Amino acid sequence: MSPPPPHPSSRRVQKLRAPNVCVQDWTLLNPSRSVPQPTERRIFFPAAPQHAPFSTEARTEDAAVRCTLCKYKTKDKSLMVRHQRIHSGERPHQCHLCPKAFTQRGNLMTHLKYHSGEKPFKCNYCPKAFTTKADWVIHERIHTGDRPYKCKLCPMTFTASSHLVVHCRRHEGDRPHLCSRCRLSFRERSELDAHAVTHTG
């Protein structure tokens, strides 16, 4: 047999705190009695939202945006803006120590480390040292033979992801670097830079 419920005077009044819950709490006292009446609580829960049927239009923001000049696509609009600078040649982040400019601020910050002359990353197999950890890791793979980046279309493997990206463009025919003067396109930025000399003399 369960024990009787506690007397109202012994009950604790607790405030409910939860998101989207409205709680109204009154303690009603009857002056004619020495014992307060039980606390009255009214809890109102919001109506459950109506679930709209799934449609492709409702997920427009999640849809990947594809570049109009190559096969690159992404859901992130800021990444697409950065990518399109490859085609336009826009490099808004200018080094104040040399003529080089970059499409991304992060690349500029990495570049500035080379001006400092510091090379804190020492190779464990030869006397070479490197400014960035990324350069050090890629270099040591020459000694270890580690080539973790594998092409899905042929047996070629690479020490750096950037090398794999350039290689895959040969399979796909992707030439993202577009000349702004004659509209010729190239697989690598270095090829575009060499071509640009033909216009400037």
N, C-alpha and C. Protein backbone atom coordinates (compact mmCIF):
# COMPACT_ATOMS: atom_id res chain seq x y z
N MET A 1 0.85 -1.20 0.00
CA MET A 1 0.00 0.00 0.00
C MET A 1 0.88 1.25 0.00
N SER A 2 0.63 2.15 -0.92
CA SER A 2 1.47 3.35 -1.04
C SER A 2 1.13 4.35 0.05
N PRO A 3 2.13 5.10 0.53
CA PRO A 3 1.90 6.09 1.59
C PRO A 3 1.04 7.22 1.08
N PRO A 4 0.30 7.88 1.97
CA PRO A 4 -0.58 8.99 1.56
C PRO A 4 0.24 10.17 1.06
N PRO A 5 -0.33 10.98 0.19
CA PRO A 5 0.42 12.15 -0.33
C PRO A 5 0.72 13.12 0.79
N PRO A 6 1.83 13.83 0.70
CA PRO A 6 2.21 14.77 1.77
C PRO A 6 1.22 15.90 1.88
N HIS A 7 1.15 16.47 3.06
CA HIS A 7 0.27 17.60 3.33
C HIS A 7 0.69 18.77 2.45
N PRO A 8 -0.27 19.56 1.99
CA PRO A 8 0.10 20.69 1.11
C PRO A 8 1.17 21.59 1.69
N SER A 9 1.18 21.75 3.01
CA SER A 9 2.16 22.66 3.62
C SER A 9 3.57 22.12 3.51
N SER A 10 3.71 20.81 3.32
CA SER A 10 5.04 20.22 3.23
C SER A 10 5.55 20.13 1.80
N ARG A 11 4.68 20.46 0.84
CA ARG A 11 5.11 20.39 -0.56
C ARG A 11 6.05 21.55 -0.91
N ARG A 12 7.01 21.23 -1.76
CA ARG A 12 7.95 22.27 -2.22
C ARG A 12 7.43 22.86 -3.52
N VAL A 13 7.49 24.15 -3.58
CA VAL A 13 7.11 24.84 -4.80
C VAL A 13 8.35 24.99 -5.67
N GLN A 14 8.35 24.35 -6.84
CA GLN A 14 9.50 24.39 -7.74
C GLN A 14 9.11 25.12 -9.02
N LYS A 15 10.01 25.92 -9.49
CA LYS A 15 9.79 26.63 -10.74
C LYS A 15 10.30 25.79 -11.90
N LEU A 16 9.48 25.65 -12.90
CA LEU A 16 9.89 24.91 -14.08
C LEU A 16 10.56 25.86 -15.05
N ARG A 17 11.72 25.46 -15.52
CA ARG A 17 12.45 26.28 -16.48
C ARG A 17 12.78 25.41 -17.68
N ALA A 18 12.10 25.62 -18.76
CA ALA A 18 12.36 24.87 -19.98
C ALA A 18 12.03 25.75 -21.16
N PRO A 19 12.71 25.57 -22.27
CA PRO A 19 12.44 26.41 -23.44
C PRO A 19 11.06 26.14 -24.00
N ASN A 20 10.43 27.23 -24.46
CA ASN A 20 9.12 27.14 -25.10
C ASN A 20 8.02 26.62 -24.18
N VAL A 21 8.21 26.76 -22.86
CA VAL A 21 7.19 26.33 -21.91
C VAL A 21 6.78 27.53 -21.07
N CYS A 22 5.50 27.83 -21.01
CA CYS A 22 5.00 28.95 -20.22
C CYS A 22 4.44 28.39 -18.92
N VAL A 23 4.94 28.86 -17.80
CA VAL A 23 4.50 28.36 -16.51
C VAL A 23 3.93 29.50 -15.71
N GLN A 24 2.72 29.36 -15.23
CA GLN A 24 2.11 30.35 -14.36
C GLN A 24 1.94 29.70 -12.99
N ASP A 25 2.42 30.37 -11.97
CA ASP A 25 2.47 29.76 -10.65
C ASP A 25 1.81 30.72 -9.66
N TRP A 26 0.73 30.27 -9.02
CA TRP A 26 0.08 31.08 -7.99
C TRP A 26 0.05 30.30 -6.69
N THR A 27 0.30 30.98 -5.62
CA THR A 27 0.09 30.39 -4.30
C THR A 27 -1.11 31.09 -3.69
N LEU A 28 -2.18 30.37 -3.57
CA LEU A 28 -3.43 30.95 -3.09
C LEU A 28 -3.53 30.73 -1.58
N LEU A 29 -3.56 31.79 -0.85
CA LEU A 29 -3.65 31.69 0.61
C LEU A 29 -5.06 32.07 1.06
N ASN A 30 -5.60 31.30 1.95
CA ASN A 30 -6.91 31.59 2.53
C ASN A 30 -6.69 32.16 3.92
N PRO A 31 -6.97 33.42 4.13
CA PRO A 31 -6.70 34.02 5.45
C PRO A 31 -7.43 33.33 6.59
N SER A 32 -8.53 32.63 6.27
CA SER A 32 -9.31 32.00 7.34
C SER A 32 -8.67 30.71 7.83
N ARG A 33 -7.67 30.23 7.11
CA ARG A 33 -7.01 28.99 7.51
C ARG A 33 -5.53 29.25 7.77
N SER A 34 -4.95 28.39 8.60
CA SER A 34 -3.53 28.55 8.93
C SER A 34 -2.65 27.82 7.94
N VAL A 35 -3.25 26.93 7.17
CA VAL A 35 -2.46 26.15 6.22
C VAL A 35 -2.71 26.69 4.82
N PRO A 36 -1.68 27.02 4.05
CA PRO A 36 -1.90 27.54 2.69
C PRO A 36 -2.48 26.47 1.79
N GLN A 37 -3.26 26.95 0.82
CA GLN A 37 -3.83 26.02 -0.16
C GLN A 37 -2.72 25.51 -1.08
N PRO A 38 -2.93 24.37 -1.68
CA PRO A 38 -1.90 23.83 -2.59
C PRO A 38 -1.60 24.80 -3.73
N THR A 39 -0.35 24.76 -4.17
CA THR A 39 0.06 25.61 -5.29
C THR A 39 -0.61 25.15 -6.58
N GLU A 40 -1.13 26.10 -7.31
CA GLU A 40 -1.78 25.78 -8.58
C GLU A 40 -0.83 26.11 -9.71
N ARG A 41 -0.61 25.19 -10.60
CA ARG A 41 0.28 25.40 -11.74
C ARG A 41 -0.47 25.14 -13.02
N ARG A 42 -0.23 26.01 -13.97
CA ARG A 42 -0.80 25.81 -15.30
C ARG A 42 0.34 25.83 -16.31
N ILE A 43 0.46 24.79 -17.06
CA ILE A 43 1.55 24.65 -18.01
C ILE A 43 0.98 24.63 -19.42
N PHE A 44 1.51 25.53 -20.24
CA PHE A 44 1.04 25.62 -21.62
C PHE A 44 2.17 25.22 -22.55
N PHE A 45 1.98 24.22 -23.35
CA PHE A 45 2.98 23.78 -24.31
C PHE A 45 2.58 24.28 -25.70
N PRO A 46 3.54 24.79 -26.47
CA PRO A 46 3.21 25.27 -27.81
C PRO A 46 2.76 24.14 -28.70
N ALA A 47 1.91 24.47 -29.63
CA ALA A 47 1.43 23.44 -30.55
C ALA A 47 2.57 22.91 -31.39
N ALA A 48 2.54 21.62 -31.65
CA ALA A 48 3.59 21.00 -32.45
C ALA A 48 3.58 21.57 -33.85
N PRO A 49 4.76 21.90 -34.41
CA PRO A 49 4.80 22.47 -35.76
C PRO A 49 4.33 21.48 -36.80
N GLN A 50 3.71 22.00 -37.82
CA GLN A 50 3.27 21.14 -38.91
C GLN A 50 4.45 20.87 -39.83
N HIS A 51 4.69 19.62 -40.11
CA HIS A 51 5.83 19.24 -40.95
C HIS A 51 5.43 19.34 -42.42
N ALA A 52 6.14 20.21 -43.12
CA ALA A 52 5.85 20.37 -44.54
C ALA A 52 6.37 19.17 -45.30
N PRO A 53 5.71 18.75 -46.34
CA PRO A 53 6.20 17.63 -47.14
C PRO A 53 7.54 17.96 -47.76
N PHE A 54 8.39 16.93 -47.89
CA PHE A 54 9.74 17.14 -48.43
C PHE A 54 9.66 17.59 -49.88
N SER A 55 10.47 18.56 -50.19
CA SER A 55 10.56 19.00 -51.58
C SER A 55 11.95 19.53 -51.83
N THR A 56 12.36 19.50 -53.07
CA THR A 56 13.69 20.01 -53.40
C THR A 56 13.76 21.51 -53.22
N GLU A 57 12.63 22.21 -53.40
CA GLU A 57 12.62 23.66 -53.25
C GLU A 57 12.90 24.05 -51.81
N ALA A 58 12.43 23.25 -50.83
CA ALA A 58 12.62 23.58 -49.42
C ALA A 58 14.06 23.45 -49.01
N ARG A 59 14.86 22.75 -49.81
CA ARG A 59 16.25 22.53 -49.46
C ARG A 59 17.19 23.25 -50.42
N THR A 60 16.74 24.39 -50.93
CA THR A 60 17.55 25.14 -51.89
C THR A 60 18.87 25.56 -51.29
N GLU A 61 18.87 25.96 -49.99
CA GLU A 61 20.09 26.43 -49.36
C GLU A 61 21.11 25.31 -49.24
N ASP A 62 20.64 24.04 -49.13
CA ASP A 62 21.55 22.93 -48.95
C ASP A 62 22.10 22.41 -50.28
N ALA A 63 21.52 22.84 -51.39
CA ALA A 63 21.93 22.32 -52.68
C ALA A 63 23.31 22.84 -53.04
N ALA A 64 24.12 21.98 -53.66
CA ALA A 64 25.46 22.38 -54.06
C ALA A 64 25.40 23.33 -55.25
N VAL A 65 26.27 24.35 -55.22
CA VAL A 65 26.38 25.31 -56.32
C VAL A 65 27.54 24.88 -57.20
N ARG A 66 27.31 24.82 -58.48
CA ARG A 66 28.34 24.37 -59.40
C ARG A 66 28.94 25.54 -60.17
N CYS A 67 30.26 25.50 -60.32
CA CYS A 67 30.96 26.53 -61.08
C CYS A 67 30.56 26.44 -62.55
N THR A 68 30.36 27.58 -63.17
CA THR A 68 29.94 27.62 -64.58
C THR A 68 31.10 27.39 -65.55
N LEU A 69 32.33 27.41 -65.02
CA LEU A 69 33.50 27.28 -65.89
C LEU A 69 34.23 25.96 -65.74
N CYS A 70 33.91 25.19 -64.69
CA CYS A 70 34.55 23.90 -64.49
C CYS A 70 33.62 23.00 -63.69
N LYS A 71 34.10 21.85 -63.27
CA LYS A 71 33.27 20.86 -62.59
C LYS A 71 33.21 21.05 -61.08
N TYR A 72 33.86 22.06 -60.56
CA TYR A 72 33.87 22.28 -59.11
C TYR A 72 32.48 22.63 -58.61
N LYS A 73 32.10 22.05 -57.46
CA LYS A 73 30.83 22.40 -56.83
C LYS A 73 30.97 22.34 -55.32
N THR A 74 30.19 23.15 -54.63
CA THR A 74 30.24 23.23 -53.17
C THR A 74 28.91 23.78 -52.65
N LYS A 75 28.61 23.48 -51.39
CA LYS A 75 27.42 24.04 -50.74
C LYS A 75 27.73 25.37 -50.06
N ASP A 76 29.02 25.68 -49.93
CA ASP A 76 29.45 26.89 -49.23
C ASP A 76 29.67 28.01 -50.25
N LYS A 77 28.87 29.06 -50.16
CA LYS A 77 28.97 30.16 -51.12
C LYS A 77 30.32 30.88 -51.02
N SER A 78 30.86 30.99 -49.80
CA SER A 78 32.15 31.67 -49.65
C SER A 78 33.26 30.88 -50.33
N LEU A 79 33.18 29.55 -50.29
CA LEU A 79 34.17 28.73 -50.98
C LEU A 79 34.06 28.90 -52.49
N MET A 80 32.84 29.06 -52.97
CA MET A 80 32.65 29.27 -54.40
C MET A 80 33.26 30.60 -54.84
N VAL A 81 33.11 31.63 -54.00
CA VAL A 81 33.71 32.94 -54.30
C VAL A 81 35.22 32.80 -54.42
N ARG A 82 35.83 32.08 -53.47
CA ARG A 82 37.27 31.87 -53.52
C ARG A 82 37.67 31.09 -54.77
N HIS A 83 36.89 30.05 -55.07
CA HIS A 83 37.21 29.23 -56.23
C HIS A 83 37.18 30.03 -57.52
N GLN A 84 36.19 30.89 -57.67
CA GLN A 84 36.04 31.64 -58.92
C GLN A 84 37.18 32.63 -59.15
N ARG A 85 37.91 32.93 -58.09
CA ARG A 85 39.09 33.77 -58.25
C ARG A 85 40.17 33.07 -59.06
N ILE A 86 40.13 31.72 -59.07
CA ILE A 86 41.08 30.98 -59.90
C ILE A 86 40.84 31.31 -61.36
N HIS A 87 39.58 31.38 -61.74
CA HIS A 87 39.24 31.67 -63.14
C HIS A 87 39.46 33.14 -63.48
N SER A 88 39.08 34.01 -62.57
CA SER A 88 39.16 35.45 -62.86
C SER A 88 40.57 36.02 -62.71
N GLY A 89 41.41 35.30 -61.97
CA GLY A 89 42.75 35.81 -61.71
C GLY A 89 42.80 36.83 -60.59
N GLU A 90 41.67 37.07 -59.93
CA GLU A 90 41.63 38.04 -58.83
C GLU A 90 42.43 37.53 -57.64
N ARG A 91 43.31 38.38 -57.13
CA ARG A 91 44.12 38.03 -55.96
C ARG A 91 44.12 39.24 -55.02
N PRO A 92 43.11 39.35 -54.18
CA PRO A 92 42.94 40.57 -53.38
C PRO A 92 43.89 40.71 -52.19
N HIS A 93 44.57 39.63 -51.83
CA HIS A 93 45.43 39.67 -50.64
C HIS A 93 46.88 39.85 -51.07
N GLN A 94 47.36 41.10 -50.97
CA GLN A 94 48.66 41.50 -51.49
C GLN A 94 49.72 41.46 -50.39
N CYS A 95 50.87 40.87 -50.70
CA CYS A 95 52.01 40.89 -49.77
C CYS A 95 52.62 42.28 -49.79
N HIS A 96 52.92 42.82 -48.60
CA HIS A 96 53.51 44.16 -48.52
C HIS A 96 55.03 44.13 -48.63
N LEU A 97 55.60 42.93 -48.77
CA LEU A 97 57.05 42.80 -48.86
C LEU A 97 57.54 42.41 -50.25
N CYS A 98 56.62 41.96 -51.09
CA CYS A 98 56.99 41.56 -52.45
C CYS A 98 55.76 41.67 -53.35
N PRO A 99 55.90 41.49 -54.65
CA PRO A 99 54.75 41.68 -55.55
C PRO A 99 53.70 40.57 -55.50
N LYS A 100 53.94 39.51 -54.78
CA LYS A 100 53.00 38.39 -54.80
C LYS A 100 51.67 38.74 -54.15
N ALA A 101 50.61 38.15 -54.70
CA ALA A 101 49.26 38.33 -54.15
C ALA A 101 48.56 36.97 -54.15
N PHE A 102 47.51 36.86 -53.35
CA PHE A 102 46.88 35.56 -53.12
C PHE A 102 45.36 35.67 -53.12
N THR A 103 44.73 34.54 -53.42
CA THR A 103 43.27 34.49 -53.45
C THR A 103 42.67 34.41 -52.05
N GLN A 104 43.45 33.91 -51.08
CA GLN A 104 42.95 33.74 -49.72
C GLN A 104 43.90 34.37 -48.72
N ARG A 105 43.35 34.89 -47.65
CA ARG A 105 44.17 35.52 -46.61
C ARG A 105 45.08 34.49 -45.94
N GLY A 106 44.58 33.28 -45.75
CA GLY A 106 45.39 32.24 -45.12
C GLY A 106 46.65 31.94 -45.90
N ASN A 107 46.55 31.96 -47.22
CA ASN A 107 47.73 31.73 -48.06
C ASN A 107 48.73 32.87 -47.93
N LEU A 108 48.22 34.09 -47.78
CA LEU A 108 49.10 35.24 -47.57
C LEU A 108 49.86 35.10 -46.26
N MET A 109 49.17 34.69 -45.19
CA MET A 109 49.82 34.55 -43.89
C MET A 109 50.90 33.48 -43.94
N THR A 110 50.64 32.40 -44.67
CA THR A 110 51.66 31.36 -44.83
C THR A 110 52.84 31.90 -45.61
N HIS A 111 52.57 32.67 -46.64
CA HIS A 111 53.63 33.26 -47.46
C HIS A 111 54.53 34.18 -46.64
N LEU A 112 53.95 34.95 -45.74
CA LEU A 112 54.74 35.89 -44.94
C LEU A 112 55.75 35.17 -44.05
N LYS A 113 55.47 33.92 -43.71
CA LYS A 113 56.43 33.16 -42.90
C LYS A 113 57.72 32.93 -43.67
N TYR A 114 57.63 32.83 -44.99
CA TYR A 114 58.84 32.62 -45.79
C TYR A 114 59.72 33.86 -45.78
N HIS A 115 59.12 35.04 -45.67
CA HIS A 115 59.92 36.27 -45.59
C HIS A 115 60.69 36.34 -44.27
N SER A 116 60.18 35.72 -43.24
CA SER A 116 60.85 35.78 -41.93
C SER A 116 62.17 35.03 -41.93
N GLY A 117 62.31 34.07 -42.84
CA GLY A 117 63.55 33.30 -42.90
C GLY A 117 63.64 32.19 -41.87
N GLU A 118 62.67 32.08 -41.00
CA GLU A 118 62.70 31.04 -39.97
C GLU A 118 62.33 29.69 -40.58
N LYS A 119 63.06 28.65 -40.18
CA LYS A 119 62.80 27.29 -40.64
C LYS A 119 62.86 26.34 -39.44
N PRO A 120 61.81 26.34 -38.66
CA PRO A 120 61.84 25.56 -37.41
C PRO A 120 61.64 24.06 -37.60
N PHE A 121 61.21 23.64 -38.79
CA PHE A 121 60.90 22.21 -38.98
C PHE A 121 62.08 21.51 -39.67
N LYS A 122 62.81 20.72 -38.88
CA LYS A 122 64.02 20.04 -39.36
C LYS A 122 63.70 18.63 -39.84
N CYS A 123 64.24 18.28 -40.99
CA CYS A 123 64.06 16.92 -41.51
C CYS A 123 64.84 15.93 -40.64
N ASN A 124 64.22 14.79 -40.37
CA ASN A 124 64.86 13.76 -39.56
C ASN A 124 65.80 12.87 -40.36
N TYR A 125 65.89 13.10 -41.67
CA TYR A 125 66.68 12.21 -42.52
C TYR A 125 67.79 12.94 -43.27
N CYS A 126 67.70 14.27 -43.37
CA CYS A 126 68.71 15.04 -44.09
C CYS A 126 68.81 16.43 -43.47
N PRO A 127 69.79 17.25 -43.89
CA PRO A 127 69.98 18.57 -43.26
C PRO A 127 68.93 19.62 -43.59
N LYS A 128 68.00 19.33 -44.45
CA LYS A 128 67.03 20.34 -44.86
C LYS A 128 66.09 20.75 -43.72
N ALA A 129 65.66 22.01 -43.78
CA ALA A 129 64.70 22.53 -42.81
C ALA A 129 63.62 23.31 -43.58
N PHE A 130 62.46 23.51 -42.93
CA PHE A 130 61.32 24.07 -43.64
C PHE A 130 60.59 25.11 -42.80
N THR A 131 59.98 26.04 -43.49
CA THR A 131 59.26 27.12 -42.83
C THR A 131 57.93 26.65 -42.24
N THR A 132 57.23 25.79 -42.96
CA THR A 132 55.92 25.32 -42.51
C THR A 132 55.94 23.82 -42.25
N LYS A 133 55.05 23.40 -41.39
CA LYS A 133 54.94 21.97 -41.07
C LYS A 133 54.49 21.17 -42.28
N ALA A 134 53.60 21.77 -43.08
CA ALA A 134 53.10 21.08 -44.27
C ALA A 134 54.24 20.74 -45.23
N ASP A 135 55.15 21.69 -45.45
CA ASP A 135 56.29 21.44 -46.33
C ASP A 135 57.19 20.35 -45.76
N TRP A 136 57.37 20.38 -44.45
CA TRP A 136 58.21 19.38 -43.77
C TRP A 136 57.62 17.98 -43.92
N VAL A 137 56.31 17.85 -43.71
CA VAL A 137 55.65 16.54 -43.81
C VAL A 137 55.77 15.98 -45.22
N ILE A 138 55.52 16.83 -46.22
CA ILE A 138 55.59 16.38 -47.61
C ILE A 138 57.02 15.97 -47.97
N HIS A 139 58.00 16.73 -47.50
CA HIS A 139 59.39 16.40 -47.80
C HIS A 139 59.80 15.06 -47.20
N GLU A 140 59.43 14.80 -45.97
CA GLU A 140 59.84 13.55 -45.32
C GLU A 140 59.23 12.32 -46.00
N ARG A 141 58.14 12.51 -46.71
CA ARG A 141 57.55 11.39 -47.45
C ARG A 141 58.46 10.93 -48.58
N ILE A 142 59.35 11.82 -49.04
CA ILE A 142 60.34 11.43 -50.05
C ILE A 142 61.26 10.38 -49.45
N HIS A 143 61.64 10.57 -48.19
CA HIS A 143 62.53 9.62 -47.51
C HIS A 143 61.81 8.33 -47.13
N THR A 144 60.59 8.44 -46.66
CA THR A 144 59.86 7.26 -46.18
C THR A 144 59.18 6.49 -47.30
N GLY A 145 59.00 7.14 -48.45
CA GLY A 145 58.30 6.48 -49.55
C GLY A 145 56.79 6.50 -49.42
N ASP A 146 56.29 7.23 -48.44
CA ASP A 146 54.85 7.30 -48.22
C ASP A 146 54.20 8.19 -49.28
N ARG A 147 53.24 7.62 -49.99
CA ARG A 147 52.51 8.37 -51.02
C ARG A 147 51.02 8.11 -50.81
N PRO A 148 50.42 8.82 -49.84
CA PRO A 148 49.06 8.48 -49.40
C PRO A 148 47.95 8.92 -50.34
N TYR A 149 48.25 9.76 -51.31
CA TYR A 149 47.20 10.28 -52.19
C TYR A 149 47.18 9.49 -53.50
N LYS A 150 46.12 8.71 -53.68
CA LYS A 150 46.03 7.77 -54.79
C LYS A 150 44.99 8.24 -55.81
N CYS A 151 45.35 8.15 -57.07
CA CYS A 151 44.41 8.47 -58.14
C CYS A 151 43.40 7.33 -58.28
N LYS A 152 42.13 7.68 -58.46
CA LYS A 152 41.08 6.67 -58.60
C LYS A 152 40.98 6.11 -60.02
N LEU A 153 41.68 6.76 -60.96
CA LEU A 153 41.55 6.36 -62.36
C LEU A 153 42.79 5.69 -62.92
N CYS A 154 43.89 5.75 -62.18
CA CYS A 154 45.13 5.10 -62.64
C CYS A 154 45.98 4.76 -61.41
N PRO A 155 47.09 4.04 -61.59
CA PRO A 155 47.88 3.60 -60.43
C PRO A 155 48.74 4.69 -59.79
N MET A 156 48.72 5.90 -60.30
CA MET A 156 49.60 6.95 -59.79
C MET A 156 49.27 7.31 -58.33
N THR A 157 50.33 7.57 -57.56
CA THR A 157 50.19 8.02 -56.17
C THR A 157 51.08 9.24 -55.96
N PHE A 158 50.76 10.03 -54.90
CA PHE A 158 51.45 11.31 -54.71
C PHE A 158 51.71 11.57 -53.23
N THR A 159 52.71 12.40 -52.99
CA THR A 159 53.06 12.77 -51.62
C THR A 159 52.21 13.91 -51.09
N ALA A 160 51.60 14.69 -51.98
CA ALA A 160 50.81 15.86 -51.57
C ALA A 160 49.47 15.85 -52.29
N SER A 161 48.44 16.31 -51.60
CA SER A 161 47.10 16.35 -52.19
C SER A 161 47.04 17.29 -53.39
N SER A 162 47.81 18.38 -53.33
CA SER A 162 47.80 19.34 -54.45
C SER A 162 48.33 18.70 -55.73
N HIS A 163 49.30 17.80 -55.59
CA HIS A 163 49.83 17.10 -56.76
C HIS A 163 48.77 16.19 -57.37
N LEU A 164 47.99 15.55 -56.51
CA LEU A 164 46.91 14.69 -56.99
C LEU A 164 45.85 15.50 -57.73
N VAL A 165 45.51 16.67 -57.20
CA VAL A 165 44.50 17.52 -57.84
C VAL A 165 44.92 17.88 -59.26
N VAL A 166 46.17 18.30 -59.41
CA VAL A 166 46.66 18.68 -60.74
C VAL A 166 46.65 17.46 -61.67
N HIS A 167 47.04 16.31 -61.15
CA HIS A 167 47.06 15.09 -61.96
C HIS A 167 45.66 14.72 -62.44
N CYS A 168 44.68 14.81 -61.56
CA CYS A 168 43.30 14.42 -61.92
C CYS A 168 42.73 15.31 -63.01
N ARG A 169 43.22 16.52 -63.11
CA ARG A 169 42.74 17.41 -64.17
C ARG A 169 43.11 16.88 -65.56
N ARG A 170 44.17 16.10 -65.62
CA ARG A 170 44.56 15.52 -66.91
C ARG A 170 43.54 14.46 -67.34
N HIS A 171 43.02 13.72 -66.37
CA HIS A 171 41.99 12.73 -66.68
C HIS A 171 40.67 13.40 -67.07
N GLU A 172 40.32 14.45 -66.35
CA GLU A 172 39.01 15.08 -66.52
C GLU A 172 38.99 16.15 -67.61
N GLY A 173 40.17 16.57 -68.04
CA GLY A 173 40.23 17.66 -69.01
C GLY A 173 39.92 19.01 -68.39
N ASP A 174 40.01 19.10 -67.09
CA ASP A 174 39.67 20.34 -66.38
C ASP A 174 40.83 21.33 -66.50
N ARG A 175 40.52 22.54 -66.95
CA ARG A 175 41.52 23.59 -67.13
C ARG A 175 40.97 24.86 -66.49
N PRO A 176 41.10 24.99 -65.17
CA PRO A 176 40.41 26.07 -64.45
C PRO A 176 41.08 27.44 -64.53
N HIS A 177 42.34 27.49 -64.96
CA HIS A 177 43.06 28.77 -64.97
C HIS A 177 42.87 29.45 -66.33
N LEU A 178 42.06 30.50 -66.32
CA LEU A 178 41.63 31.14 -67.56
C LEU A 178 42.38 32.45 -67.80
N CYS A 179 42.91 32.61 -69.00
CA CYS A 179 43.57 33.87 -69.36
C CYS A 179 42.51 34.94 -69.58
N SER A 180 42.71 36.09 -68.97
CA SER A 180 41.71 37.16 -69.05
C SER A 180 41.79 37.94 -70.37
N ARG A 181 42.84 37.68 -71.16
CA ARG A 181 43.02 38.44 -72.40
C ARG A 181 42.59 37.65 -73.64
N CYS A 182 42.91 36.37 -73.68
CA CYS A 182 42.58 35.60 -74.88
C CYS A 182 41.69 34.41 -74.60
N ARG A 183 41.33 34.21 -73.33
CA ARG A 183 40.41 33.16 -72.91
C ARG A 183 40.97 31.75 -73.05
N LEU A 184 42.26 31.59 -73.28
CA LEU A 184 42.86 30.26 -73.20
C LEU A 184 42.84 29.80 -71.75
N SER A 185 42.77 28.50 -71.54
CA SER A 185 42.72 27.97 -70.18
C SER A 185 43.84 26.96 -69.96
N PHE A 186 44.20 26.79 -68.68
CA PHE A 186 45.34 25.95 -68.33
C PHE A 186 45.04 25.14 -67.07
N ARG A 187 45.74 24.01 -66.96
CA ARG A 187 45.52 23.14 -65.80
C ARG A 187 46.16 23.71 -64.54
N GLU A 188 47.31 24.37 -64.69
CA GLU A 188 48.06 24.86 -63.53
C GLU A 188 48.25 26.37 -63.62
N ARG A 189 48.36 26.98 -62.45
CA ARG A 189 48.59 28.42 -62.40
C ARG A 189 49.93 28.78 -63.03
N SER A 190 50.93 27.95 -62.85
CA SER A 190 52.26 28.23 -63.41
C SER A 190 52.21 28.28 -64.94
N GLU A 191 51.35 27.44 -65.54
CA GLU A 191 51.20 27.46 -67.00
C GLU A 191 50.55 28.77 -67.46
N LEU A 192 49.57 29.24 -66.69
CA LEU A 192 48.92 30.51 -67.02
C LEU A 192 49.90 31.67 -66.89
N ASP A 193 50.72 31.66 -65.83
CA ASP A 193 51.69 32.73 -65.63
C ASP A 193 52.69 32.78 -66.79
N ALA A 194 53.14 31.60 -67.23
CA ALA A 194 54.08 31.54 -68.35
C ALA A 194 53.42 32.05 -69.63
N HIS A 195 52.14 31.73 -69.81
CA HIS A 195 51.41 32.19 -70.99
C HIS A 195 51.21 33.70 -70.96
N ALA A 196 50.97 34.27 -69.79
CA ALA A 196 50.70 35.71 -69.67
C ALA A 196 51.86 36.55 -70.19
N VAL A 197 53.07 35.99 -70.15
CA VAL A 197 54.25 36.72 -70.63
C VAL A 197 54.13 37.00 -72.12
N THR A 198 53.45 36.13 -72.85
CA THR A 198 53.30 36.34 -74.30
C THR A 198 52.46 37.57 -74.61
N HIS A 199 51.64 37.98 -73.67
CA HIS A 199 50.83 39.19 -73.88
C HIS A 199 51.58 40.45 -73.47
N THR A 200 52.41 40.33 -72.46
CA THR A 200 53.12 41.51 -71.94
C THR A 200 54.44 41.73 -72.65
N GLY A 201 54.95 40.68 -73.31
CA GLY A 201 56.22 40.80 -74.02
C GLY A 201 57.38 40.59 -73.09
